[in-house]
Amino acid sequence: MAVEEIQRAGELIASSQFAVALTGAGVSTESGLPDFRSQDGLWRQYDPSEVATLSAFYTDPHRFYAFYRHRLALLREARPNPAHYALARLEDLGKLHVVITQNVDGLHQQAGSRRVLEVHGNLREAKCTGCGRIFPISVLDPFLERAEIPTCDSCGSALKPNVVLFEEMLPEEVFEEAEASCRRCDLLLVVGSSLQVTPVAYLPHVALRHGARLILVNTEETPVDRFADVVLRGRAGVILPRLVEEVEKRLA
């Protein structure tokens, strides 16, 4: 990664009027949370059809919740890393207006980002599959400790983490706002996303069609690298703080 590339990316961010970030699992791996598709990802250990689909939730909820009990245990130990704090700093500087995230861990908010669109839901909450009530995720704990399926105390229906499973639609209003942000932005900063999961993978194309510049930060190649103004190959927690330094120099 050349110094010139960092400087070019910093210049693009500093001169932007409405920058948006799109983040994926690669931002949170440095907080100790595994991604899904890498060599060490969760889908190397688990079959997603058995633990991450709506069908799996209904047909084998004990296996489903064994997986989510593991995820929730990891999340309790996770803390924001320098990449999360760097994005929050860009917002403080007035250079980042929205963070669209595929992550469900809430670490952007913990780091101080205020405008976060969680297009795949979150693991702060549980939702009743019957009456739709929302609970704090901690409501699941006593059930899981007894190896029971969590149920709603109002209607008795099963509770599920308030995340988007395979076979479920994304939250409509949130995704519409994400699309609107990409249509409006003059710069899209994509960090730690493989851009393989639709419909989120289409968002960079939405931004490009409306004239936005594109910066990619990722450890591996993505399908939209060839369209980017700058590609920064490496860890988000190393690259983003350097980008912030470049932006701060130009705003001083």
Foldseek 3Di string as FASTA:
>chain_A
DDPVLLLVLLVQLLPWQEEEEEEEPLQQVVQVQADAPDPPHPCVVDPLVCAFAPVNCVPPVLVNVVVVVVNVVRLVSGAHFQLLLLQQVCVVVVRYDAYEYCDASCRNVVSPDDHYQHQFHHQQWKFFPPPGDIDGNCQCVVCVVVSHFDADPPPGGGIDGGGHGPVGHTDVVSVVVLLVSLLPTQEYEYEHDQLPDPPVVCSPVSNVVNNHAYEYEEQDDHPCPVVHPHYHHDRSSPSSVSSSVSNVVVVD
